[in-house]
Amino acid sequence: MQELTQNIQATWADYYELTKPNVVALIVFCGIVGMLLSTPTLPQISTLIFGALGIGLSASSAAVINHVLDIQIDQKMSRTKSRPLPQGRLSQTKALLFSLILCLISMFILFVYINTITATLTFLSLIGYAIIYTVFLKRATPQNIVIGGAAGAAPPVLGWTAVTGEVHANALILFLIIFLWTPPHFWALAIARKDDYEKANIPMLPVTHGSAFTRLFIFNYTILLVGVTILPYQTGMSGLIYLITAIFSGIVFLWYANKLKTEENIELSMRVFQFSIHYLMVLFAALLVDHYLLIRISDLI
């Protein structure tokens, strides 16, 4: 009876929280970047709208499934125990129905208004995160976030295919940037939340190999990441504005990662985590500025 009462009191805000809106916003942003970079002109407005909507709804659906499958873990972690499902404000059945509705709308939009390849790749990304990562990888290996990061790195590719209907090499470079960005980004958070993951028996790298080992891996992955961010300039996808931004922001990221490597500090770990989000947004924003500036210059010439 108590659970029924709590479920009746659920609000739209509880459903909204299940979609992990901050994460989805970053996913949609990366998808839109892929769309805009895929063409020397502006994509059709309808493609931008329906592509972003389809990708966003699919990511939201995956996030809800993640909440449902992780309910027992979330109940044990201080960071997540106040979420709607652990608190009983929503039942798992209602959450799954909500996820199904989001997924169906997403697939309808992408199949009907975009193209088959984008819809297919988007659905595979949903399965990759919601099932393969959440059910298997997250609980099986400390390299979970590295392997599972492929699903999170897909949005620029999805955006690119939404406009062009093909997977281009430049889209794969954007995929690689996010793929290498994910481990240092998430491991910084995992260090700060090590006790929570240990309590929930999740084999995150700081739990299985210790914080010092994880901080070293964050530094190593950051070196790889900064090196890969030069590729858009080397392939001609971007120009000097992006290159300067990538080098400068990469130096800052390396400084943070090196400082974290030598200091065991939870507050510093969270600063690195927050900086990594801004780093990716600045990097991709610079790609857009450079892309359209190059187009404008070529038009003037």
Protein backbone atom coordinates (compact mmCIF):
# COMPACT_ATOMS: atom_id res chain seq x y z
CA MET A 1 0.00 0.00 0.00
CA GLN A 2 2.84 2.39 0.85
CA GLU A 3 4.50 1.71 -2.54
CA LEU A 4 1.18 2.33 -4.31
CA THR A 5 0.76 5.64 -2.48
CA GLN A 6 4.26 6.71 -3.39
CA ASN A 7 3.74 5.74 -7.03
CA ILE A 8 0.54 7.80 -7.20
CA GLN A 9 2.52 10.80 -5.97
CA ALA A 10 5.02 10.54 -8.85
CA THR A 11 5.29 13.73 -10.90
CA TRP A 12 6.55 14.54 -14.36
CA ALA A 13 9.79 15.63 -12.68
CA ASP A 14 10.39 12.02 -11.56
CA TYR A 15 10.00 10.76 -15.12
CA TYR A 16 12.23 13.58 -16.34
CA GLU A 17 14.93 12.67 -13.81
CA LEU A 18 14.94 9.09 -15.08
CA THR A 19 16.11 10.34 -18.50
CA LYS A 20 19.37 11.76 -17.07
CA PRO A 21 18.77 15.11 -18.82
CA ASN A 22 22.27 16.52 -18.31
CA VAL A 23 23.85 13.47 -19.92
CA VAL A 24 21.30 13.46 -22.73
CA ALA A 25 21.92 17.16 -23.39
CA LEU A 26 25.61 16.45 -23.96
CA ILE A 27 24.75 13.49 -26.21
CA VAL A 28 22.38 15.61 -28.31
CA PHE A 29 24.98 18.39 -28.54
CA CYS A 30 27.57 15.93 -29.88
CA GLY A 31 25.01 14.54 -32.31
CA ILE A 32 24.22 18.03 -33.62
CA VAL A 33 27.94 18.73 -34.02
CA GLY A 34 28.18 15.60 -36.18
CA MET A 35 25.28 16.84 -38.31
CA LEU A 36 26.73 20.30 -38.79
CA LEU A 37 30.25 19.08 -39.60
CA SER A 38 29.02 16.55 -42.14
CA THR A 39 28.13 19.12 -44.79
CA PRO A 40 29.76 22.26 -46.22
CA THR A 41 26.41 24.00 -45.88
CA LEU A 42 23.76 24.00 -43.20
CA PRO A 43 21.75 20.76 -43.01
CA GLN A 44 18.02 20.97 -43.56
CA ILE A 45 16.24 22.27 -40.48
CA SER A 46 13.96 19.24 -40.46
CA THR A 47 17.00 16.93 -40.36
CA LEU A 48 18.50 18.86 -37.45
CA ILE A 49 15.25 18.81 -35.49
CA PHE A 50 14.21 15.22 -36.12
CA GLY A 51 17.77 13.91 -35.88
CA ALA A 52 18.39 15.59 -32.53
CA LEU A 53 14.97 14.55 -31.25
CA GLY A 54 15.41 10.93 -32.30
CA ILE A 55 18.91 10.66 -30.82
CA GLY A 56 17.83 12.41 -27.62
CA LEU A 57 14.75 10.24 -27.08
CA SER A 58 16.78 7.08 -27.67
CA ALA A 59 19.41 8.19 -25.16
CA SER A 60 16.62 9.02 -22.70
CA SER A 61 15.12 5.56 -23.17
CA ALA A 62 18.50 3.94 -22.48
CA ALA A 63 18.91 6.08 -19.36
CA VAL A 64 15.55 4.94 -17.97
CA ILE A 65 16.46 1.28 -18.56
CA ASN A 66 19.74 1.95 -16.76
CA HIS A 67 17.78 3.27 -13.76
CA VAL A 68 15.59 0.17 -13.70
CA LEU A 69 18.43 -2.33 -13.98
CA ASP A 70 20.56 -0.48 -11.43
CA ILE A 71 17.85 -0.01 -8.79
CA GLN A 72 19.53 -2.33 -6.25
CA ILE A 73 22.88 -0.63 -6.80
CA ASP A 74 21.31 2.83 -6.56
CA GLN A 75 19.74 1.92 -3.21
CA LYS A 76 23.22 1.36 -1.75
CA MET A 77 24.98 4.45 -3.13
CA SER A 78 24.64 7.83 -1.45
CA ARG A 79 24.87 9.59 -4.83
CA THR A 80 21.90 7.70 -6.27
CA LYS A 81 19.68 6.52 -3.40
CA SER A 82 17.41 9.57 -3.71
CA ARG A 83 16.46 8.74 -7.32
CA PRO A 84 12.76 8.08 -8.06
CA LEU A 85 13.00 4.28 -8.25
CA PRO A 86 15.02 3.63 -5.06
CA GLN A 87 12.69 6.02 -3.23
CA GLY A 88 9.63 4.18 -4.54
CA ARG A 89 8.11 7.22 -6.21
CA LEU A 90 7.83 5.19 -9.41
CA SER A 91 7.47 1.46 -10.01
CA GLN A 92 9.85 -0.42 -12.29
CA THR A 93 6.89 -1.36 -14.50
CA LYS A 94 5.96 2.27 -15.11
CA ALA A 95 9.58 3.17 -15.76
CA LEU A 96 9.96 0.37 -18.31
CA LEU A 97 6.73 1.41 -20.04
CA PHE A 98 8.03 4.99 -20.17
CA SER A 99 11.31 3.74 -21.66
CA LEU A 100 9.47 1.67 -24.27
CA ILE A 101 7.39 4.68 -25.32
CA LEU A 102 10.52 6.84 -25.68
CA CYS A 103 12.25 4.12 -27.70
CA LEU A 104 9.30 3.59 -30.05
CA ILE A 105 8.91 7.33 -30.70
CA SER A 106 12.65 7.64 -31.29
CA MET A 107 12.76 4.77 -33.78
CA PHE A 108 9.66 6.03 -35.59
CA ILE A 109 11.18 9.49 -36.00
CA LEU A 110 14.56 8.18 -37.17
CA PHE A 111 13.18 5.53 -39.56
CA VAL A 112 10.50 7.78 -41.08
CA TYR A 113 12.12 11.23 -41.09
CA ILE A 114 15.87 10.48 -41.15
CA ASN A 115 17.18 7.18 -42.56
CA THR A 116 17.54 3.50 -41.83
CA ILE A 117 21.26 3.49 -41.04
CA THR A 118 20.88 6.20 -38.39
CA ALA A 119 17.91 4.45 -36.80
CA THR A 120 19.78 1.13 -36.77
CA LEU A 121 22.99 2.56 -35.30
CA THR A 122 21.01 4.52 -32.71
CA PHE A 123 19.14 1.40 -31.62
CA LEU A 124 22.43 -0.54 -31.37
CA SER A 125 23.83 2.26 -29.19
CA LEU A 126 20.78 2.00 -26.95
CA ILE A 127 21.30 -1.75 -26.58
CA GLY A 128 25.03 -1.21 -26.05
CA TYR A 129 24.53 1.13 -23.11
CA ALA A 130 21.29 -0.10 -21.56
CA ILE A 131 21.98 -3.83 -21.83
CA ILE A 132 25.58 -4.73 -22.70
CA TYR A 133 27.17 -2.10 -20.45
CA THR A 134 24.63 -1.96 -17.62
CA VAL A 135 23.87 -5.68 -17.32
CA PHE A 136 27.21 -7.25 -18.19
CA LEU A 137 30.25 -4.99 -18.45
CA LYS A 138 29.52 -2.76 -15.45
CA ARG A 139 29.43 -5.77 -13.14
CA ALA A 140 32.09 -7.90 -14.84
CA THR A 141 35.29 -5.93 -15.40
CA PRO A 142 37.14 -2.81 -14.19
CA GLN A 143 37.53 -1.94 -17.87
CA ASN A 144 33.74 -1.59 -18.10
CA ILE A 145 33.77 2.10 -18.92
CA VAL A 146 36.46 1.66 -21.60
CA ILE A 147 34.60 -1.07 -23.47
CA GLY A 148 31.16 0.39 -22.84
CA GLY A 149 32.36 3.83 -23.91
CA ALA A 150 31.75 2.88 -27.53
CA ALA A 151 28.02 3.41 -27.06
CA GLY A 152 28.56 6.83 -25.51
CA ALA A 153 30.92 7.84 -28.32
CA ALA A 154 28.36 7.16 -31.05
CA PRO A 155 26.38 10.48 -31.18
CA PRO A 156 28.65 12.35 -33.68
CA VAL A 157 28.51 9.32 -35.98
CA LEU A 158 24.71 9.21 -35.63
CA GLY A 159 24.51 12.91 -36.44
CA TRP A 160 26.79 12.49 -39.44
CA THR A 161 24.79 9.59 -40.88
CA ALA A 162 21.53 11.48 -40.26
CA VAL A 163 22.64 14.05 -42.86
CA THR A 164 24.76 12.00 -45.28
CA GLY A 165 23.45 8.47 -44.90
CA GLU A 166 26.99 7.10 -44.57
CA VAL A 167 29.66 6.54 -41.94
CA HIS A 168 32.54 8.87 -42.88
CA ALA A 169 36.15 8.68 -41.65
CA ASN A 170 35.85 12.15 -40.10
CA ALA A 171 32.85 10.96 -38.09
CA LEU A 172 34.99 8.11 -36.77
CA ILE A 173 37.62 10.64 -35.63
CA LEU A 174 34.93 12.37 -33.57
CA PHE A 175 33.92 8.95 -32.24
CA LEU A 176 37.53 8.26 -31.24
CA ILE A 177 37.83 11.59 -29.41
CA ILE A 178 34.80 10.84 -27.22
CA PHE A 179 35.86 7.20 -26.81
CA LEU A 180 39.23 8.26 -25.35
CA TRP A 181 37.65 11.13 -23.38
CA THR A 182 35.23 8.83 -21.54
CA PRO A 183 37.69 6.91 -19.27
CA PRO A 184 39.47 9.93 -17.73
CA HIS A 185 36.14 11.72 -17.43
CA PHE A 186 34.36 8.86 -15.66
CA TRP A 187 37.30 7.53 -13.65
CA ALA A 188 37.73 10.97 -12.06
CA LEU A 189 34.17 10.64 -10.77
CA ALA A 190 34.74 7.01 -9.80
CA ILE A 191 37.68 8.01 -7.59
CA ALA A 192 35.50 10.49 -5.74
CA ARG A 193 32.71 7.89 -5.42
CA LYS A 194 34.97 4.91 -4.70
CA ASP A 195 33.29 4.05 -1.38
CA ASP A 196 29.88 4.02 -3.03
CA TYR A 197 30.99 1.64 -5.79
CA GLU A 198 32.72 -0.59 -3.26
CA LYS A 199 29.58 -0.71 -1.14
CA ALA A 200 27.54 -1.67 -4.21
CA ASN A 201 30.13 -4.30 -5.23
CA ILE A 202 30.76 -2.68 -8.63
CA PRO A 203 34.28 -3.41 -9.95
CA MET A 204 35.20 0.12 -10.98
CA LEU A 205 38.93 0.62 -11.49
CA PRO A 206 39.50 2.55 -8.21
CA VAL A 207 37.84 -0.30 -6.31
CA THR A 208 39.74 -3.16 -7.95
CA HIS A 209 43.15 -1.52 -8.49
CA GLY A 210 43.17 1.45 -6.14
CA SER A 211 43.02 5.22 -6.61
CA ALA A 212 46.74 5.64 -7.38
CA PHE A 213 46.55 3.17 -10.28
CA THR A 214 43.39 4.85 -11.58
CA ARG A 215 44.95 8.31 -11.40
CA LEU A 216 47.89 7.03 -13.46
CA PHE A 217 45.48 5.62 -16.05
CA ILE A 218 43.62 8.94 -16.17
CA PHE A 219 46.88 10.68 -17.01
CA ASN A 220 47.81 8.09 -19.66
CA TYR A 221 44.41 8.26 -21.34
CA THR A 222 44.54 12.06 -21.29
CA ILE A 223 47.82 11.94 -23.20
CA LEU A 224 46.20 9.68 -25.82
CA LEU A 225 43.14 11.94 -25.94
CA VAL A 226 45.11 15.14 -26.50
CA GLY A 227 47.10 13.44 -29.27
CA VAL A 228 43.95 12.28 -31.05
CA THR A 229 42.33 15.74 -30.85
CA ILE A 230 44.95 16.95 -33.35
CA LEU A 231 43.58 14.58 -36.03
CA PRO A 232 40.74 16.89 -37.22
CA TYR A 233 43.38 19.47 -38.17
CA GLN A 234 45.69 16.90 -39.77
CA THR A 235 42.89 15.49 -41.94
CA GLY A 236 41.72 18.93 -43.04
CA MET A 237 38.40 18.73 -41.22
CA SER A 238 39.32 21.85 -39.25
CA GLY A 239 41.74 24.76 -39.28
CA LEU A 240 43.90 26.85 -36.97
CA ILE A 241 41.12 28.03 -34.65
CA TYR A 242 40.33 24.47 -33.70
CA LEU A 243 44.00 23.48 -33.53
CA ILE A 244 44.86 26.30 -31.13
CA THR A 245 41.81 25.49 -28.99
CA ALA A 246 42.67 21.78 -28.93
CA ILE A 247 46.28 22.42 -27.95
CA PHE A 248 45.48 24.99 -25.26
CA SER A 249 42.59 23.06 -23.70
CA GLY A 250 44.61 19.85 -23.97
CA ILE A 251 47.49 21.40 -22.04
CA VAL A 252 45.05 22.43 -19.30
CA PHE A 253 43.56 18.92 -19.20
CA LEU A 254 47.05 17.39 -18.99
CA TRP A 255 47.92 19.79 -16.17
CA TYR A 256 44.83 18.68 -14.25
CA ALA A 257 45.51 15.00 -14.95
CA ASN A 258 49.14 15.31 -13.87
CA LYS A 259 48.15 17.17 -10.70
CA LEU A 260 45.60 14.44 -9.95
CA LYS A 261 48.25 11.77 -10.58
CA THR A 262 50.42 13.18 -7.81
CA GLU A 263 47.68 14.09 -5.34
CA GLU A 264 45.03 11.91 -3.71
CA ASN A 265 42.28 14.47 -3.37
CA ILE A 266 38.56 13.82 -3.79
CA GLU A 267 37.82 17.51 -4.36
CA LEU A 268 40.45 17.60 -7.12
CA SER A 269 38.93 14.47 -8.70
CA MET A 270 35.57 16.22 -8.91
CA ARG A 271 37.21 19.31 -10.43
CA VAL A 272 38.80 17.12 -13.09
CA PHE A 273 35.42 15.48 -13.71
CA GLN A 274 33.69 18.85 -14.13
CA PHE A 275 36.51 20.25 -16.27
CA SER A 276 36.35 17.26 -18.60
CA ILE A 277 32.73 18.08 -19.46
CA HIS A 278 33.59 21.68 -20.30
CA TYR A 279 36.66 20.48 -22.21
CA LEU A 280 34.59 18.33 -24.57
CA MET A 281 32.02 21.08 -25.13
CA VAL A 282 34.70 23.68 -25.88
CA LEU A 283 36.51 21.29 -28.22
CA PHE A 284 33.39 20.51 -30.24
CA ALA A 285 32.26 24.15 -30.23
CA ALA A 286 35.66 25.08 -31.68
CA LEU A 287 35.14 22.50 -34.42
CA LEU A 288 31.88 24.22 -35.35
CA VAL A 289 33.32 27.74 -35.30
CA ASP A 290 36.28 26.65 -37.41
CA HIS A 291 34.09 24.70 -39.83
CA TYR A 292 31.77 27.58 -40.66
CA LEU A 293 34.55 30.17 -40.66
CA LEU A 294 36.42 28.09 -43.26
CA ILE A 295 33.24 27.89 -45.33
CA ARG A 296 32.74 31.66 -45.06
CA ILE A 297 36.34 32.37 -46.10
CA SER A 298 36.09 30.01 -49.08
CA ASP A 299 32.89 31.75 -50.17
CA LEU A 300 34.60 35.15 -50.02
CA ILE A 301 37.55 33.87 -52.06
